Amino acid sequence: MTTLRVRHSVRELQNMYDQGNTKPLDDLIRAWIGIKSLPVDDLNSFFIIGGYHGEPFEGQGATLKQYWGGYCNHGNVLFPTWHRVYVLRIEEALQSFEPDVMMPYWDETSEETLRLGIPKVLTEEKYELDGVLVDNPLQSYIFQKDVMDVKGESLYSKPEGYKTVRYPLSGLVGTQAAQEKTEIHNNKFPNHTENTALLNENVRAWLISGSTSDKSPKPKTTGTAYKYFRCLDAPNYTAFSNVVSASEWTQNNSGHTIVALEDPHNDVHLAVGGFDVPEQGEFGLIAGANGDMGENNTAGLDPIFFFHHCNVDRMFWLWQVRNGHTDNFEIIANYPGTNASGDIAKGGQGPAVGQQDDEQLTMETNLYPFLKGDAPDEIYYTSNDCINIETQLGFTYSDGSLSTIVDREKNEELSIFEDITIKSTKKLEVSNINRANFKGSFVIRAYAQVGEKTFFLGHRSILSRGDVSNCANCQTHLGVVVHFDLFDLTQEEIEKASFSVEIQHREHANNDKSKLQIFDTRVID
């Protein structure tokens, strides 16, 4: 019987290193140095693999406005499976340098992350390898080639020599005006150690949805950590897989909102990358912070992307184990979120490279550009090829946070969250938010006011293009619909409540702030 290879958490490897077993972490560093040093036309190079997600756009994505641009699937049912094979692809490239290396995951809901933030090996500038300090390959990537946004969103173009950045820095350098603005902004944050502290506090604030002064925090139900827990109870793969399908399921079924795996995934992208806001937000968000992870165009070219997505895939596997879908799951045919054109109204992206416009996505849809083995006849992975990570792909995950809740009789890790008293299963639906009013990713935050008491209902992260005017499909689907649980309100309070929505964003189109308030709210069962 073949022994399963194990993907460990980053902190497990760090603990091994600190206890004298440096080989696992050293080999990982060597492998990352290797793939980042390959020529840009080598299929195992980080430039090629990191670029599959977004820029540099290829094929239809480089020329047709209705296409998203990259290969990645967001806002549709292929989100979990496409990214599962994507992480497998970077792992295979790493193994071409160090055969025993497995791609580690950043355990984003672990006690250490909630208390400290990002594992230090992902943020430190230097790493001691064989007694010599080397540039840490996990902290950033220096572009080996110009990346030009050929679809008109020149804001995201990057020159050769550009170094990826994270919150609180900005990486928008595609135009002269943006470059000048970014330089002024980044000059305010010259110290890497201080910047890392700000980054970690921002990540912790997103995860716990509360004050980061508490060094032993219990995440609130409005935080990203709780979203990860909630997604494990999604009733089927289609609703679990993406925000479009989850929104539809929530709208048409009674009970709590359904949290898709894609939802907390989006949060972490913005927590690490940042997203520009005109004023400081609830957790002291820094205006002007536009790191690469906050934009789909460039997120895949920051090495932390793959540690994040390895954990996203681990959560996918935990959902499968918890719900009895380790060997099979199905896509509900013709359901919102199953069309390649995407339902932009609820967060879809449009077709990815290789897909046909208006194509129905199924378990047999090719997951471009990922080939199975060295097949000369170009056989691509499909979702059916990557259902069971153990029997089909030959690996498993170490026990990390939330692992024990796969047993519905135990739910042992519920104690990490604040005490929850659910007073209502009703939901607030927010609709008719026009994406055209915002450039880039933005966040929707909802509140209920009952008398003098304000209830924060939660947030929804929207990963969006820098300029939807260049996306024909976006222009026909400009509305956004999101839902918020009303856990903390009694029926009487719901009846008395007035609801408000705050939108945090980079830049309002035409600077007409009156348009910000065009939205509808209603309470649904």
Protein backbone atom coordinates (compact mmCIF):
# COMPACT_ATOMS: atom_id res chain seq x y z
CA MET A 1 0.00 0.00 0.00
CA THR A 2 1.38 3.41 -0.98
CA THR A 3 2.04 5.72 1.94
CA LEU A 4 0.21 9.01 1.66
CA ARG A 5 2.39 12.08 1.48
CA VAL A 6 1.44 14.74 4.01
CA ARG A 7 1.03 18.47 3.60
CA HIS A 8 1.96 20.08 6.91
CA SER A 9 1.23 23.58 8.12
CA VAL A 10 3.92 26.23 7.74
CA ARG A 11 4.18 26.53 11.52
CA GLU A 12 4.72 22.78 11.86
CA LEU A 13 7.74 23.12 9.57
CA GLN A 14 8.91 26.16 11.54
CA ASN A 15 8.60 24.21 14.81
CA MET A 16 10.65 21.35 13.32
CA TYR A 17 13.28 23.91 12.28
CA ASP A 18 13.38 25.51 15.72
CA GLN A 19 13.80 22.08 17.33
CA GLY A 20 16.81 21.23 15.16
CA ASN A 21 15.21 19.41 12.23
CA THR A 22 15.91 22.07 9.63
CA LYS A 23 15.69 19.87 6.53
CA PRO A 24 11.93 20.13 5.75
CA LEU A 25 11.91 23.94 5.85
CA ASP A 26 15.34 24.24 4.22
CA ASP A 27 14.24 22.02 1.34
CA LEU A 28 11.11 24.11 0.88
CA ILE A 29 13.21 27.28 0.68
CA ARG A 30 15.61 25.65 -1.80
CA ALA A 31 12.71 24.56 -4.00
CA TRP A 32 11.15 28.03 -3.99
CA ILE A 33 14.50 29.61 -4.83
CA GLY A 34 14.72 27.10 -7.67
CA ILE A 35 11.37 27.78 -9.34
CA LYS A 36 11.82 31.55 -8.98
CA SER A 37 15.22 31.41 -10.69
CA LEU A 38 14.03 29.51 -13.77
CA PRO A 39 13.72 31.33 -17.12
CA VAL A 40 10.31 32.89 -17.69
CA ASP A 41 9.53 30.45 -20.50
CA ASP A 42 10.17 27.34 -18.36
CA LEU A 43 6.85 25.65 -17.51
CA ASN A 44 8.07 25.03 -13.95
CA SER A 45 9.01 28.67 -13.39
CA PHE A 46 7.18 30.68 -10.79
CA PHE A 47 6.55 33.36 -13.40
CA ILE A 48 4.61 30.91 -15.59
CA ILE A 49 2.71 29.17 -12.78
CA GLY A 50 2.00 32.30 -10.76
CA GLY A 51 0.81 33.94 -13.96
CA TYR A 52 -1.84 31.29 -14.65
CA HIS A 53 -4.13 32.95 -12.12
CA GLY A 54 -4.35 36.39 -13.74
CA GLU A 55 -1.76 38.42 -15.58
CA PRO A 56 -0.16 38.00 -18.02
CA PHE A 57 -3.48 37.43 -19.78
CA GLU A 58 -3.51 34.86 -22.59
CA GLY A 59 -5.75 33.65 -25.39
CA GLN A 60 -9.30 34.94 -25.27
CA GLY A 61 -8.50 36.58 -21.95
CA ALA A 62 -6.09 38.96 -23.63
CA THR A 63 -8.42 40.10 -26.39
CA LEU A 64 -12.13 39.57 -25.61
CA LYS A 65 -13.88 41.92 -23.20
CA GLN A 66 -16.37 39.36 -21.90
CA TYR A 67 -13.51 37.17 -20.62
CA TRP A 68 -12.03 37.52 -17.19
CA GLY A 69 -8.48 37.35 -18.57
CA GLY A 70 -6.74 34.65 -16.57
CA TYR A 71 -7.28 30.92 -16.12
CA CYS A 72 -8.62 31.10 -12.56
CA ASN A 73 -12.25 30.32 -11.78
CA HIS A 74 -14.04 32.58 -9.29
CA GLY A 75 -17.72 33.00 -8.65
CA ASN A 76 -18.49 29.60 -10.16
CA VAL A 77 -18.59 25.93 -9.18
CA LEU A 78 -15.05 25.22 -10.37
CA PHE A 79 -13.50 27.52 -7.78
CA PRO A 80 -12.49 24.72 -5.32
CA THR A 81 -11.40 22.11 -7.86
CA TRP A 82 -9.50 24.50 -10.17
CA HIS A 83 -7.52 25.87 -7.24
CA ARG A 84 -6.93 22.35 -5.89
CA VAL A 85 -5.15 21.40 -9.09
CA TYR A 86 -3.39 24.78 -9.13
CA VAL A 87 -1.78 24.08 -5.75
CA LEU A 88 -0.88 20.60 -7.01
CA ARG A 89 0.85 22.20 -10.00
CA ILE A 90 3.08 24.46 -7.88
CA GLU A 91 3.86 21.47 -5.68
CA GLU A 92 4.98 19.44 -8.70
CA ALA A 93 7.24 22.31 -9.78
CA LEU A 94 8.78 22.50 -6.30
CA GLN A 95 9.37 18.75 -6.38
CA SER A 96 11.36 19.10 -9.59
CA PHE A 97 14.02 20.68 -7.33
CA GLU A 98 13.37 18.86 -4.04
CA PRO A 99 11.45 15.59 -4.57
CA ASP A 100 10.34 15.27 -0.93
CA VAL A 101 8.84 18.74 -0.65
CA MET A 102 5.10 19.07 -0.12
CA MET A 103 3.27 22.38 -0.39
CA PRO A 104 2.56 23.58 3.18
CA TYR A 105 -0.60 25.37 4.24
CA TRP A 106 -0.93 28.54 6.26
CA ASP A 107 -3.35 27.48 8.99
CA GLU A 108 -5.42 30.65 9.01
CA THR A 109 -7.73 29.69 11.88
CA SER A 110 -5.07 28.30 14.23
CA GLU A 111 -4.58 29.76 17.69
CA GLU A 112 -1.14 30.98 16.61
CA THR A 113 -2.53 32.87 13.61
CA LEU A 114 -5.35 34.42 15.64
CA ARG A 115 -2.79 35.55 18.22
CA LEU A 116 0.23 36.42 16.05
CA GLY A 117 -0.83 36.75 12.43
CA ILE A 118 1.11 35.35 9.47
CA PRO A 119 3.85 32.75 10.13
CA LYS A 120 7.17 34.58 10.25
CA VAL A 121 8.82 32.50 7.52
CA LEU A 122 6.33 34.04 5.07
CA THR A 123 7.17 37.63 6.05
CA GLU A 124 10.85 37.84 7.02
CA GLU A 125 13.21 39.37 4.45
CA LYS A 126 16.06 36.91 5.07
CA TYR A 127 16.34 33.19 5.74
CA GLU A 128 19.36 31.35 7.13
CA LEU A 129 20.07 28.50 4.74
CA ASP A 130 23.15 26.32 5.36
CA GLY A 131 24.58 29.00 7.61
CA VAL A 132 24.16 31.79 5.08
CA LEU A 133 21.50 34.53 5.07
CA VAL A 134 19.66 34.50 1.75
CA ASP A 135 16.75 36.53 0.41
CA ASN A 136 13.60 34.83 1.63
CA PRO A 137 11.83 33.52 -1.51
CA LEU A 138 8.49 33.30 0.32
CA GLN A 139 8.31 37.00 1.20
CA SER A 140 7.98 38.49 -2.28
CA TYR A 141 8.68 38.01 -5.99
CA ILE A 142 10.71 40.28 -8.27
CA PHE A 143 9.21 40.29 -11.77
CA GLN A 144 11.61 38.79 -14.31
CA LYS A 145 9.65 40.28 -17.19
CA ASP A 146 7.26 43.13 -17.90
CA VAL A 147 3.59 42.26 -17.42
CA MET A 148 1.35 44.50 -19.47
CA ASP A 149 -2.39 44.61 -18.96
CA VAL A 150 -3.51 44.41 -22.56
CA LYS A 151 -7.21 44.90 -21.82
CA GLY A 152 -7.06 48.57 -21.00
CA GLU A 153 -6.61 48.31 -17.22
CA SER A 154 -3.08 49.66 -17.39
CA LEU A 155 -3.18 50.38 -13.67
CA TYR A 156 -2.16 46.76 -13.10
CA SER A 157 0.76 46.63 -15.52
CA LYS A 158 4.08 45.82 -13.82
CA PRO A 159 7.61 46.47 -15.12
CA GLU A 160 10.50 44.03 -15.01
CA GLY A 161 12.15 44.41 -11.61
CA TYR A 162 8.90 45.20 -9.78
CA LYS A 163 8.77 43.57 -6.32
CA THR A 164 5.42 42.36 -4.99
CA VAL A 165 4.12 44.09 -1.88
CA ARG A 166 1.57 43.50 0.86
CA TYR A 167 -0.43 45.68 3.24
CA PRO A 168 0.23 48.49 4.15
CA LEU A 169 2.13 49.15 0.89
CA SER A 170 0.77 49.83 -2.59
CA GLY A 171 1.75 48.08 -5.80
CA LEU A 172 -0.19 50.14 -8.33
CA VAL A 173 2.45 51.34 -10.79
CA GLY A 174 0.85 50.85 -14.20
CA THR A 175 0.40 54.52 -15.01
CA GLN A 176 2.59 57.53 -14.35
CA ALA A 177 -0.02 59.03 -12.03
CA ALA A 178 -0.45 55.76 -10.13
CA GLN A 179 3.31 55.29 -9.85
CA GLU A 180 3.76 58.77 -8.39
CA LYS A 181 0.90 58.24 -5.93
CA THR A 182 2.28 54.83 -4.91
CA GLU A 183 5.76 56.23 -4.36
CA ILE A 184 4.42 58.96 -2.06
CA HIS A 185 2.36 56.38 -0.16
CA ASN A 186 5.13 53.79 0.21
CA ASN A 187 7.61 56.40 1.42
CA LYS A 188 5.44 56.69 4.53
CA PHE A 189 6.21 53.05 5.34
CA PRO A 190 9.98 52.53 4.96
CA ASN A 191 10.50 49.99 7.75
CA HIS A 192 9.85 46.34 6.90
CA THR A 193 9.57 45.24 10.54
CA GLU A 194 6.98 47.90 11.29
CA ASN A 195 5.12 47.10 8.07
CA THR A 196 4.99 43.41 9.02
CA ALA A 197 3.50 44.34 12.38
CA LEU A 198 0.81 46.39 10.62
CA LEU A 199 0.16 43.51 8.22
CA ASN A 200 -0.24 41.01 11.04
CA GLU A 201 -2.59 43.28 12.96
CA ASN A 202 -4.69 43.78 9.83
CA VAL A 203 -4.91 40.03 9.20
CA ARG A 204 -5.85 39.38 12.83
CA ALA A 205 -8.52 42.10 12.74
CA TRP A 206 -10.15 40.47 9.70
CA LEU A 207 -10.03 37.02 11.25
CA ILE A 208 -11.44 37.88 14.66
CA SER A 209 -13.56 40.94 13.78
CA GLY A 210 -12.52 42.66 16.94
CA SER A 211 -9.79 44.46 18.84
CA THR A 212 -6.33 43.07 18.21
CA SER A 213 -5.22 44.24 21.66
CA ASP A 214 -6.61 40.96 22.99
CA LYS A 215 -3.72 38.49 22.70
CA SER A 216 -5.98 35.47 23.27
CA PRO A 217 -8.94 36.46 21.12
CA LYS A 218 -12.17 34.58 20.55
CA PRO A 219 -13.30 35.33 17.01
CA LYS A 220 -16.70 36.92 16.59
CA THR A 221 -19.40 35.58 14.30
CA THR A 222 -18.73 38.53 11.98
CA GLY A 223 -15.08 37.56 11.43
CA THR A 224 -13.32 35.61 8.70
CA ALA A 225 -12.34 32.76 11.04
CA TYR A 226 -15.99 32.10 11.81
CA LYS A 227 -16.79 32.14 8.10
CA TYR A 228 -14.31 29.30 7.62
CA PHE A 229 -16.14 27.32 10.29
CA ARG A 230 -19.56 28.14 8.84
CA CYS A 231 -18.66 27.08 5.30
CA LEU A 232 -18.12 23.52 6.55
CA ASP A 233 -21.89 23.18 7.03
CA ALA A 234 -22.86 24.16 3.48
CA PRO A 235 -25.57 21.68 2.41
CA ASN A 236 -24.11 20.64 -0.96
CA TYR A 237 -21.06 21.15 -3.14
CA THR A 238 -22.69 23.70 -5.43
CA ALA A 239 -23.60 26.06 -2.57
CA PHE A 240 -20.29 25.40 -0.81
CA SER A 241 -18.17 26.08 -3.87
CA ASN A 242 -18.72 29.76 -4.66
CA VAL A 243 -20.39 33.00 -3.61
CA VAL A 244 -22.82 33.12 -6.54
CA SER A 245 -24.37 29.72 -5.83
CA ALA A 246 -24.33 30.30 -2.06
CA SER A 247 -26.17 33.62 -2.47
CA GLU A 248 -28.82 31.97 -4.61
CA TRP A 249 -29.27 29.12 -2.11
CA THR A 250 -29.54 31.60 0.77
CA GLN A 251 -32.10 33.70 -1.08
CA ASN A 252 -34.37 30.76 -1.81
CA ASN A 253 -34.10 28.67 1.36
CA SER A 254 -35.07 29.47 4.94
CA GLY A 255 -32.56 29.42 7.78
CA HIS A 256 -29.07 30.86 8.14
CA THR A 257 -27.04 32.27 5.30
CA ILE A 258 -24.93 29.76 3.45
CA VAL A 259 -21.25 30.66 3.57
CA ALA A 260 -19.28 29.56 0.52
CA LEU A 261 -15.63 28.59 0.83
CA GLU A 262 -14.90 31.44 -1.56
CA ASP A 263 -16.17 34.00 0.97
CA PRO A 264 -13.46 33.74 3.67
CA HIS A 265 -10.98 33.10 0.87
CA ASN A 266 -11.80 36.56 -0.51
CA ASP A 267 -11.35 38.11 2.93
CA VAL A 268 -7.82 36.79 3.33
CA HIS A 269 -6.84 38.15 -0.08
CA LEU A 270 -7.87 41.64 1.01
CA ALA A 271 -6.47 41.25 4.52
CA VAL A 272 -3.01 40.41 3.13
CA GLY A 273 -3.05 42.65 0.08
CA GLY A 274 -5.10 45.49 1.41
CA PHE A 275 -7.59 47.49 -0.59
CA ASP A 276 -7.61 51.22 -0.88
CA VAL A 277 -10.22 53.08 1.18
CA PRO A 278 -10.87 56.82 1.27
CA GLU A 279 -10.98 56.98 5.06
CA GLN A 280 -9.89 54.74 7.89
CA GLY A 281 -12.31 51.93 8.52
CA GLU A 282 -13.42 50.16 11.66
CA PHE A 283 -10.07 48.43 12.16
CA GLY A 284 -7.84 51.33 11.14
CA LEU A 285 -7.52 50.38 7.48
CA ILE A 286 -4.81 52.38 5.78
CA ALA A 287 -5.92 54.35 2.75
CA GLY A 288 -3.67 53.70 -0.23
CA ALA A 289 -2.80 50.11 0.70
CA ASN A 290 -3.07 48.20 -2.57
CA GLY A 291 -0.87 45.12 -2.28
CA ASP A 292 -0.80 42.42 -4.93
CA MET A 293 -2.87 39.85 -3.03
CA GLY A 294 -5.79 42.27 -3.01
CA GLU A 295 -6.11 42.15 -6.80
CA ASN A 296 -6.90 39.01 -8.81
CA ASN A 297 -4.76 40.34 -11.66
CA THR A 298 -1.53 39.90 -9.66
CA ALA A 299 -2.40 37.81 -6.58
CA GLY A 300 -0.89 34.59 -7.94
CA LEU A 301 2.52 36.25 -8.24
CA ASP A 302 2.88 36.77 -4.49
CA PRO A 303 4.25 33.50 -3.02
CA ILE A 304 1.90 33.71 -0.01
CA PHE A 305 -0.96 33.07 -2.45
CA PHE A 306 -0.11 29.37 -2.59
CA PHE A 307 0.16 28.95 1.18
CA HIS A 308 -3.23 30.62 1.48
CA HIS A 309 -4.76 28.43 -1.22
CA CYS A 310 -3.27 25.29 0.25
CA ASN A 311 -5.28 26.07 3.39
CA VAL A 312 -8.37 26.83 1.27
CA ASP A 313 -7.96 23.37 -0.27
CA ARG A 314 -7.57 21.86 3.22
CA MET A 315 -10.90 23.44 4.17
CA PHE A 316 -12.38 21.94 0.99
CA TRP A 317 -11.18 18.51 2.14
CA LEU A 318 -12.55 19.07 5.67
CA TRP A 319 -15.96 19.90 4.15
CA GLN A 320 -15.79 16.70 2.11
CA VAL A 321 -14.94 14.58 5.15
CA ARG A 322 -17.53 16.27 7.37
CA ASN A 323 -20.30 15.84 4.82
CA GLY A 324 -19.47 12.42 3.39
CA HIS A 325 -18.23 13.62 0.01
CA THR A 326 -14.68 12.28 -0.08
CA ASP A 327 -15.45 10.09 -3.11
CA ASN A 328 -18.20 11.99 -4.87
CA PHE A 329 -20.08 15.24 -5.06
CA GLU A 330 -22.26 16.77 -7.75
CA ILE A 331 -22.81 20.08 -9.47
CA ILE A 332 -26.48 21.10 -9.63
CA ALA A 333 -27.09 21.53 -13.35
CA ASN A 334 -28.08 24.99 -14.60
CA TYR A 335 -27.89 26.50 -11.11
CA PRO A 336 -26.52 30.06 -10.75
CA GLY A 337 -22.76 29.75 -10.65
CA THR A 338 -22.62 26.92 -13.19
CA ASN A 339 -22.27 29.05 -16.32
CA ALA A 340 -18.87 30.16 -17.61
CA SER A 341 -20.20 33.61 -18.41
CA GLY A 342 -20.74 34.05 -14.71
CA ASP A 343 -23.45 35.84 -12.79
CA ILE A 344 -21.61 39.11 -12.22
CA ALA A 345 -24.62 40.35 -10.28
CA LYS A 346 -23.57 38.21 -7.34
CA GLY A 347 -19.82 38.09 -7.74
CA GLY A 348 -19.09 36.06 -10.87
CA GLN A 349 -16.16 36.87 -13.10
CA GLY A 350 -16.95 35.84 -16.67
CA PRO A 351 -15.40 32.94 -18.61
CA ALA A 352 -11.79 31.96 -18.01
CA VAL A 353 -9.22 31.27 -20.71
CA GLY A 354 -10.10 28.06 -22.57
CA GLN A 355 -13.80 28.16 -21.72
CA GLN A 356 -16.53 28.98 -24.19
CA ASP A 357 -18.68 32.00 -23.51
CA ASP A 358 -21.95 30.78 -21.96
CA GLU A 359 -20.52 27.26 -21.46
CA GLN A 360 -22.20 25.10 -18.81
CA LEU A 361 -19.65 24.03 -16.20
CA THR A 362 -19.76 20.38 -15.13
CA MET A 363 -17.62 17.82 -13.36
CA GLU A 364 -16.12 17.02 -16.79
CA THR A 365 -15.16 20.60 -17.69
CA ASN A 366 -11.45 20.87 -18.41
CA LEU A 367 -9.49 22.68 -15.69
CA TYR A 368 -7.20 24.63 -18.00
CA PRO A 369 -4.21 24.79 -18.28
CA PHE A 370 -3.44 21.79 -16.07
CA LEU A 371 -2.38 18.65 -17.94
CA LYS A 372 -2.47 15.20 -16.38
CA GLY A 373 1.05 13.82 -16.31
CA ASP A 374 3.07 13.97 -19.51
CA ALA A 375 0.26 12.89 -21.80
CA PRO A 376 1.20 13.87 -25.37
CA ASP A 377 -2.45 14.21 -26.39
CA GLU A 378 -3.08 16.98 -23.85
CA ILE A 379 -5.49 15.40 -21.40
CA TYR A 380 -6.51 18.05 -18.88
CA TYR A 381 -7.61 17.57 -15.31
CA THR A 382 -11.33 17.76 -14.64
CA SER A 383 -13.13 18.05 -11.30
CA ASN A 384 -13.80 14.31 -11.42
CA ASP A 385 -10.04 13.74 -11.39
CA CYS A 386 -9.44 15.52 -8.10
CA ILE A 387 -12.34 14.64 -5.81
CA ASN A 388 -10.42 12.41 -3.38
CA ILE A 389 -7.01 13.86 -2.55
CA GLU A 390 -5.90 10.61 -0.94
CA THR A 391 -6.88 7.98 -3.51
CA GLN A 392 -6.59 10.11 -6.65
CA LEU A 393 -3.78 12.54 -5.83
CA GLY A 394 -1.83 10.60 -3.20
CA PHE A 395 -1.62 13.13 -0.38
CA THR A 396 -3.44 14.20 2.75
CA TYR A 397 -3.29 17.00 5.31
CA SER A 398 -1.90 17.02 8.81
CA ASP A 399 -4.32 17.78 11.62
CA GLY A 400 -4.74 21.52 11.80
CA SER A 401 -7.33 23.87 13.25
CA LEU A 402 -10.97 22.91 12.70
CA SER A 403 -9.91 19.33 11.91
CA THR A 404 -11.88 17.91 14.85
CA ILE A 405 -15.19 19.47 13.81
CA VAL A 406 -15.46 17.00 10.95
CA ASP A 407 -17.07 14.80 13.62
CA ARG A 408 -20.57 16.22 14.01
CA GLU A 409 -20.91 14.55 17.40
CA LYS A 410 -17.94 16.46 18.83
CA ASN A 411 -17.54 19.93 17.31
CA GLU A 412 -14.71 20.27 19.82
CA GLU A 413 -13.25 23.44 18.36
CA LEU A 414 -16.36 25.57 18.76
CA SER A 415 -14.76 26.83 21.98
CA ILE A 416 -12.34 28.96 19.95
CA PHE A 417 -15.22 31.25 19.00
CA GLU A 418 -17.12 33.69 21.16
CA ASP A 419 -20.25 32.33 22.82
CA ILE A 420 -23.09 32.42 20.33
CA THR A 421 -26.74 32.95 21.19
CA ILE A 422 -28.81 32.72 18.04
CA LYS A 423 -31.94 34.83 18.52
CA SER A 424 -33.11 34.75 14.92
CA THR A 425 -32.57 32.81 11.71
CA LYS A 426 -33.74 35.72 9.58
CA LYS A 427 -31.36 37.41 7.15
CA LEU A 428 -30.78 40.86 5.71
CA GLU A 429 -30.55 40.95 1.94
CA VAL A 430 -28.65 43.87 0.40
CA SER A 431 -29.04 44.35 -3.34
CA ASN A 432 -28.74 46.85 -6.18
CA ILE A 433 -25.19 47.90 -5.35
CA ASN A 434 -23.71 49.05 -8.65
CA ARG A 435 -20.20 47.69 -9.30
CA ALA A 436 -19.58 50.43 -11.86
CA ASN A 437 -19.31 52.93 -9.00
CA PHE A 438 -16.14 51.29 -7.71
CA LYS A 439 -12.70 50.72 -9.14
CA GLY A 440 -11.08 47.55 -7.85
CA SER A 441 -12.03 45.32 -4.94
CA PHE A 442 -14.35 46.65 -2.26
CA VAL A 443 -16.04 45.62 0.98
CA ILE A 444 -19.72 45.84 1.95
CA ARG A 445 -20.42 46.25 5.67
CA ALA A 446 -23.94 46.12 7.14
CA TYR A 447 -25.36 47.51 10.39
CA ALA A 448 -28.66 47.45 12.27
CA GLN A 449 -29.68 50.37 14.46
CA VAL A 450 -32.21 49.63 17.22
CA GLY A 451 -32.79 52.68 19.35
CA GLU A 452 -29.37 53.80 20.55
CA LYS A 453 -27.78 50.36 20.00
CA THR A 454 -25.80 49.53 16.85
CA PHE A 455 -25.33 45.93 15.71
CA PHE A 456 -22.52 45.15 13.26
CA LEU A 457 -23.93 42.43 11.00
CA GLY A 458 -20.77 41.54 9.11
CA HIS A 459 -18.89 42.21 5.90
CA ARG A 460 -18.66 40.78 2.40
CA SER A 461 -15.52 41.13 0.30
CA ILE A 462 -16.01 41.70 -3.42
CA LEU A 463 -12.97 40.96 -5.59
CA SER A 464 -13.52 43.07 -8.68
CA ARG A 465 -11.75 44.47 -11.72
CA GLY A 466 -10.01 47.78 -11.62
CA ASP A 467 -12.33 49.17 -14.28
CA VAL A 468 -15.47 47.29 -15.29
CA SER A 469 -15.93 49.59 -18.27
CA ASN A 470 -13.51 47.30 -20.14
CA CYS A 471 -15.58 44.20 -19.38
CA ALA A 472 -18.63 43.77 -21.61
CA ASN A 473 -20.05 41.05 -19.38
CA CYS A 474 -19.59 43.19 -16.27
CA GLN A 475 -21.54 46.01 -17.90
CA THR A 476 -24.62 43.81 -18.24
CA HIS A 477 -24.41 42.54 -14.66
CA LEU A 478 -23.57 45.51 -12.48
CA GLY A 479 -25.63 44.73 -9.37
CA VAL A 480 -24.32 42.93 -6.28
CA VAL A 481 -26.51 40.90 -3.89
CA VAL A 482 -25.25 39.80 -0.46
CA HIS A 483 -26.80 38.46 2.75
CA PHE A 484 -26.15 38.92 6.46
CA ASP A 485 -27.41 36.82 9.37
CA LEU A 486 -29.43 38.58 12.06
CA PHE A 487 -28.18 36.29 14.83
CA ASP A 488 -28.07 38.93 17.56
CA LEU A 489 -31.48 40.49 17.05
CA THR A 490 -34.81 39.33 18.43
CA GLN A 491 -37.90 39.45 16.24
CA GLU A 492 -39.02 42.58 18.05
CA GLU A 493 -35.66 44.26 17.44
CA ILE A 494 -35.73 43.29 13.77
CA GLU A 495 -39.12 44.94 13.39
CA LYS A 496 -37.82 48.14 14.98
CA ALA A 497 -34.41 48.17 13.30
CA SER A 498 -33.18 50.51 10.62
CA PHE A 499 -30.47 49.02 8.41
CA SER A 500 -27.51 50.79 6.86
CA VAL A 501 -24.74 49.75 4.51
CA GLU A 502 -21.19 51.09 4.35
CA ILE A 503 -19.07 50.48 1.27
CA GLN A 504 -15.30 50.71 1.58
CA HIS A 505 -13.62 51.13 -1.78
CA ARG A 506 -10.71 52.59 -3.69
CA GLU A 507 -12.17 55.36 -5.76
CA HIS A 508 -15.72 56.32 -6.50
CA ALA A 509 -16.47 56.79 -10.21
CA ASN A 510 -16.78 60.47 -11.07
CA ASN A 511 -16.35 61.22 -7.36
CA ASP A 512 -20.14 61.41 -7.02
CA LYS A 513 -20.68 60.13 -3.50
CA SER A 514 -24.45 60.34 -3.77
CA LYS A 515 -24.36 57.20 -5.90
CA LEU A 516 -22.86 55.24 -3.03
CA GLN A 517 -26.23 54.94 -1.35
CA ILE A 518 -28.08 53.28 -4.23
CA PHE A 519 -28.99 49.95 -2.68
CA ASP A 520 -32.00 48.04 -1.36
CA THR A 521 -32.35 46.14 1.90
CA ARG A 522 -35.00 43.69 3.03
CA VAL A 523 -35.35 41.09 5.76
CA ILE A 524 -35.99 37.56 4.52
CA ASP A 525 -36.55 34.20 6.25
